[in-house]
Amino acid sequence: MLSKEMFRLMDFYNLVEEIIKLKEKYGIDRRKMVRIENITIRDELLRYDIYINDNAWVSLDKGVLASLRLCAAIPFKGSVKGPFRFLTTNISAQSEEFVSGVYNKIKDGLSKLEEEYKEISKKSWKL
């Protein structure tokens, strides 16, 4: 069974997937760094790294995501190691409240990000 915290961090994958879909929709390079307020999301080869105020916060493993989704869909007995790794030793930055705050900030910033991508897309097609 997956813990509540595991599902919350899995929600970050859903947000990253939404961002990737926006990038594809507007012709933005999917590896381009995303900045929403003071949060930066970098698409690395095997992971997504999230930074807060340019300080490394959490790393999300791309490969483990598929396994976790499979485990959530199929009854599974046992445990799965988390697909994430905190990159900070600051305990308060690992709390459930902090994680939820970062999640909400990214979620709220998606519409602004889409507007930004629309503008970039319009400018790139102008002569």
C-alpha atoms as a PDB file:
ATOM      1  CA  MET A   1       0.000   0.000   0.000  1.00  0.00           C
ATOM      2  CA  LEU A   2       1.298   3.449  -0.850  1.00  0.00           C
ATOM      3  CA  SER A   3       1.371   6.099   1.857  1.00  0.00           C
ATOM      4  CA  LYS A   4      -0.463   9.424   1.700  1.00  0.00           C
ATOM      5  CA  GLU A   5       2.849  11.265   1.383  1.00  0.00           C
ATOM      6  CA  MET A   6       3.861   9.044  -1.542  1.00  0.00           C
ATOM      7  CA  PHE A   7       0.661   9.905  -3.399  1.00  0.00           C
ATOM      8  CA  ARG A   8       1.189  13.635  -2.750  1.00  0.00           C
ATOM      9  CA  LEU A   9       4.662  13.497  -4.249  1.00  0.00           C
ATOM     10  CA  MET A  10       3.280  11.411  -7.139  1.00  0.00           C
ATOM     11  CA  ASP A  11       0.977  14.378  -7.789  1.00  0.00           C
ATOM     12  CA  PHE A  12       4.118  16.326  -8.710  1.00  0.00           C
ATOM     13  CA  TYR A  13       4.584  13.921 -11.617  1.00  0.00           C
ATOM     14  CA  ASN A  14       1.076  14.774 -12.798  1.00  0.00           C
ATOM     15  CA  LEU A  15       1.939  18.480 -12.662  1.00  0.00           C
ATOM     16  CA  VAL A  16       5.167  17.887 -14.579  1.00  0.00           C
ATOM     17  CA  GLU A  17       3.225  15.888 -17.180  1.00  0.00           C
ATOM     18  CA  GLU A  18       0.768  18.787 -17.523  1.00  0.00           C
ATOM     19  CA  ILE A  19       3.696  21.154 -18.061  1.00  0.00           C
ATOM     20  CA  ILE A  20       5.169  18.825 -20.698  1.00  0.00           C
ATOM     21  CA  LYS A  21       1.801  18.721 -22.501  1.00  0.00           C
ATOM     22  CA  LEU A  22       1.693  22.529 -22.469  1.00  0.00           C
ATOM     23  CA  LYS A  23       5.207  22.660 -23.900  1.00  0.00           C
ATOM     24  CA  GLU A  24       4.268  20.225 -26.672  1.00  0.00           C
ATOM     25  CA  LYS A  25       1.076  22.141 -27.418  1.00  0.00           C
ATOM     26  CA  TYR A  26       2.940  25.426 -27.879  1.00  0.00           C
ATOM     27  CA  GLY A  27       6.127  24.048 -29.436  1.00  0.00           C
ATOM     28  CA  ILE A  28       8.406  24.718 -26.474  1.00  0.00           C
ATOM     29  CA  ASP A  29      11.471  22.488 -25.986  1.00  0.00           C
ATOM     30  CA  ARG A  30      10.450  19.998 -23.300  1.00  0.00           C
ATOM     31  CA  ARG A  31      13.919  20.116 -21.712  1.00  0.00           C
ATOM     32  CA  LYS A  32      13.666  23.868 -21.169  1.00  0.00           C
ATOM     33  CA  MET A  33      13.703  24.802 -17.500  1.00  0.00           C
ATOM     34  CA  VAL A  34      10.348  25.896 -16.039  1.00  0.00           C
ATOM     35  CA  ARG A  35      10.114  28.724 -13.526  1.00  0.00           C
ATOM     36  CA  ILE A  36       6.932  29.421 -11.553  1.00  0.00           C
ATOM     37  CA  GLU A  37       7.479  32.212  -9.027  1.00  0.00           C
ATOM     38  CA  ASN A  38      10.422  31.036  -6.879  1.00  0.00           C
ATOM     39  CA  ILE A  39      10.139  27.388  -7.989  1.00  0.00           C
ATOM     40  CA  THR A  40      12.277  25.963 -10.786  1.00  0.00           C
ATOM     41  CA  ILE A  41      11.700  22.580 -12.430  1.00  0.00           C
ATOM     42  CA  ARG A  42      14.577  21.115 -14.422  1.00  0.00           C
ATOM     43  CA  ASP A  43      14.105  18.169 -16.761  1.00  0.00           C
ATOM     44  CA  GLU A  44      17.248  16.078 -16.380  1.00  0.00           C
ATOM     45  CA  LEU A  45      17.941  12.848 -18.257  1.00  0.00           C
ATOM     46  CA  LEU A  46      16.615  10.416 -15.631  1.00  0.00           C
ATOM     47  CA  ARG A  47      14.817  12.709 -13.214  1.00  0.00           C
ATOM     48  CA  TYR A  48      13.031  15.989 -12.608  1.00  0.00           C
ATOM     49  CA  ASP A  49      14.751  18.271 -10.106  1.00  0.00           C
ATOM     50  CA  ILE A  50      12.729  20.907  -8.266  1.00  0.00           C
ATOM     51  CA  TYR A  51      14.476  23.938  -6.773  1.00  0.00           C
ATOM     52  CA  ILE A  52      13.084  26.481  -4.313  1.00  0.00           C
ATOM     53  CA  ASN A  53      14.804  29.897  -4.427  1.00  0.00           C
ATOM     54  CA  ASP A  54      17.577  28.237  -6.476  1.00  0.00           C
ATOM     55  CA  ASN A  55      18.198  25.695  -3.690  1.00  0.00           C
ATOM     56  CA  ALA A  56      17.855  22.011  -4.604  1.00  0.00           C
ATOM     57  CA  TRP A  57      14.715  20.639  -2.927  1.00  0.00           C
ATOM     58  CA  VAL A  58      13.574  17.303  -4.374  1.00  0.00           C
ATOM     59  CA  SER A  59      14.483  14.951  -7.198  1.00  0.00           C
ATOM     60  CA  LEU A  60      11.753  12.887  -8.891  1.00  0.00           C
ATOM     61  CA  ASP A  61      12.924   9.690 -10.594  1.00  0.00           C
ATOM     62  CA  LYS A  62      11.343   9.253 -14.050  1.00  0.00           C
ATOM     63  CA  GLY A  63      11.816   5.470 -14.170  1.00  0.00           C
ATOM     64  CA  VAL A  64      10.103   4.598 -10.889  1.00  0.00           C
ATOM     65  CA  LEU A  65       6.916   6.463 -11.806  1.00  0.00           C
ATOM     66  CA  ALA A  66       5.665   3.729 -14.144  1.00  0.00           C
ATOM     67  CA  SER A  67       6.218   1.090 -11.452  1.00  0.00           C
ATOM     68  CA  LEU A  68       4.338   3.107  -8.853  1.00  0.00           C
ATOM     69  CA  ARG A  69       1.385   3.669 -11.130  1.00  0.00           C
ATOM     70  CA  LEU A  70       1.276  -0.050 -11.874  1.00  0.00           C
ATOM     71  CA  CYS A  71       1.339  -0.838  -8.143  1.00  0.00           C
ATOM     72  CA  ALA A  72      -1.470   1.645  -7.495  1.00  0.00           C
ATOM     73  CA  ALA A  73      -3.611   0.089 -10.248  1.00  0.00           C
ATOM     74  CA  ILE A  74      -3.044  -3.552  -9.304  1.00  0.00           C
ATOM     75  CA  PRO A  75      -3.501  -4.965  -5.806  1.00  0.00           C
ATOM     76  CA  PHE A  76       0.049  -5.215  -4.527  1.00  0.00           C
ATOM     77  CA  LYS A  77       1.444  -6.552  -1.282  1.00  0.00           C
ATOM     78  CA  GLY A  78       4.793  -5.193  -0.318  1.00  0.00           C
ATOM     79  CA  SER A  79       6.469  -1.843  -0.385  1.00  0.00           C
ATOM     80  CA  VAL A  80       7.940   0.278  -3.118  1.00  0.00           C
ATOM     81  CA  LYS A  81      10.834   2.634  -2.536  1.00  0.00           C
ATOM     82  CA  GLY A  82       9.851   6.215  -3.184  1.00  0.00           C
ATOM     83  CA  PRO A  83      10.470   7.711  -6.613  1.00  0.00           C
ATOM     84  CA  PHE A  84      11.754  10.870  -4.994  1.00  0.00           C
ATOM     85  CA  ARG A  85      14.735  12.000  -2.978  1.00  0.00           C
ATOM     86  CA  PHE A  86      14.887  15.165  -0.951  1.00  0.00           C
ATOM     87  CA  LEU A  87      17.997  17.117  -1.877  1.00  0.00           C
ATOM     88  CA  THR A  88      17.931  19.168   1.306  1.00  0.00           C
ATOM     89  CA  THR A  89      18.585  18.215   4.901  1.00  0.00           C
ATOM     90  CA  ASN A  90      16.204  20.919   6.151  1.00  0.00           C
ATOM     91  CA  ILE A  91      13.493  18.954   7.961  1.00  0.00           C
ATOM     92  CA  SER A  92      10.899  21.748   7.678  1.00  0.00           C
ATOM     93  CA  ALA A  93      11.324  21.687   3.872  1.00  0.00           C
ATOM     94  CA  GLN A  94      10.383  17.998   3.954  1.00  0.00           C
ATOM     95  CA  SER A  95       7.193  18.445   5.961  1.00  0.00           C
ATOM     96  CA  GLU A  96       3.790  17.602   4.536  1.00  0.00           C
ATOM     97  CA  GLU A  97       2.711  21.258   4.848  1.00  0.00           C
ATOM     98  CA  PHE A  98       5.719  22.492   2.874  1.00  0.00           C
ATOM     99  CA  VAL A  99       5.238  19.835   0.178  1.00  0.00           C
ATOM    100  CA  SER A 100       1.559  20.802  -0.142  1.00  0.00           C
ATOM    101  CA  GLY A 101       2.466  24.489  -0.324  1.00  0.00           C
ATOM    102  CA  VAL A 102       4.928  23.901  -3.170  1.00  0.00           C
ATOM    103  CA  TYR A 103       2.404  21.691  -4.968  1.00  0.00           C
ATOM    104  CA  ASN A 104      -0.319  24.345  -4.712  1.00  0.00           C
ATOM    105  CA  LYS A 105       2.040  27.090  -5.900  1.00  0.00           C
ATOM    106  CA  ILE A 106       2.939  25.082  -9.015  1.00  0.00           C
ATOM    107  CA  LYS A 107      -0.707  24.119  -9.642  1.00  0.00           C
ATOM    108  CA  ASP A 108      -1.810  27.758  -9.333  1.00  0.00           C
ATOM    109  CA  GLY A 109       0.978  28.889 -11.666  1.00  0.00           C
ATOM    110  CA  LEU A 110       0.002  26.569 -14.533  1.00  0.00           C
ATOM    111  CA  SER A 111      -2.479  29.011 -16.100  1.00  0.00           C
ATOM    112  CA  LYS A 112       0.099  31.827 -16.008  1.00  0.00           C
ATOM    113  CA  LEU A 113       2.650  29.450 -17.530  1.00  0.00           C
ATOM    114  CA  GLU A 114       0.228  28.565 -20.323  1.00  0.00           C
ATOM    115  CA  GLU A 115      -0.246  32.270 -21.107  1.00  0.00           C
ATOM    116  CA  GLU A 116       3.524  32.706 -21.201  1.00  0.00           C
ATOM    117  CA  TYR A 117       3.880  29.757 -23.597  1.00  0.00           C
ATOM    118  CA  LYS A 118       1.114  31.163 -25.825  1.00  0.00           C
ATOM    119  CA  GLU A 119       3.027  34.441 -26.109  1.00  0.00           C
ATOM    120  CA  ILE A 120       6.293  32.661 -26.879  1.00  0.00           C
ATOM    121  CA  SER A 121       4.537  30.560 -29.511  1.00  0.00           C
ATOM    122  CA  LYS A 122       2.959  33.631 -31.156  1.00  0.00           C
ATOM    123  CA  LYS A 123       6.292  35.461 -31.260  1.00  0.00           C
ATOM    124  CA  SER A 124       8.128  32.508 -32.777  1.00  0.00           C
ATOM    125  CA  TRP A 125       5.701  32.378 -35.729  1.00  0.00           C
ATOM    126  CA  LYS A 126       5.801  36.104 -36.516  1.00  0.00           C
ATOM    127  CA  LEU A 127       7.934  37.270 -39.439  1.00  0.00           C
END
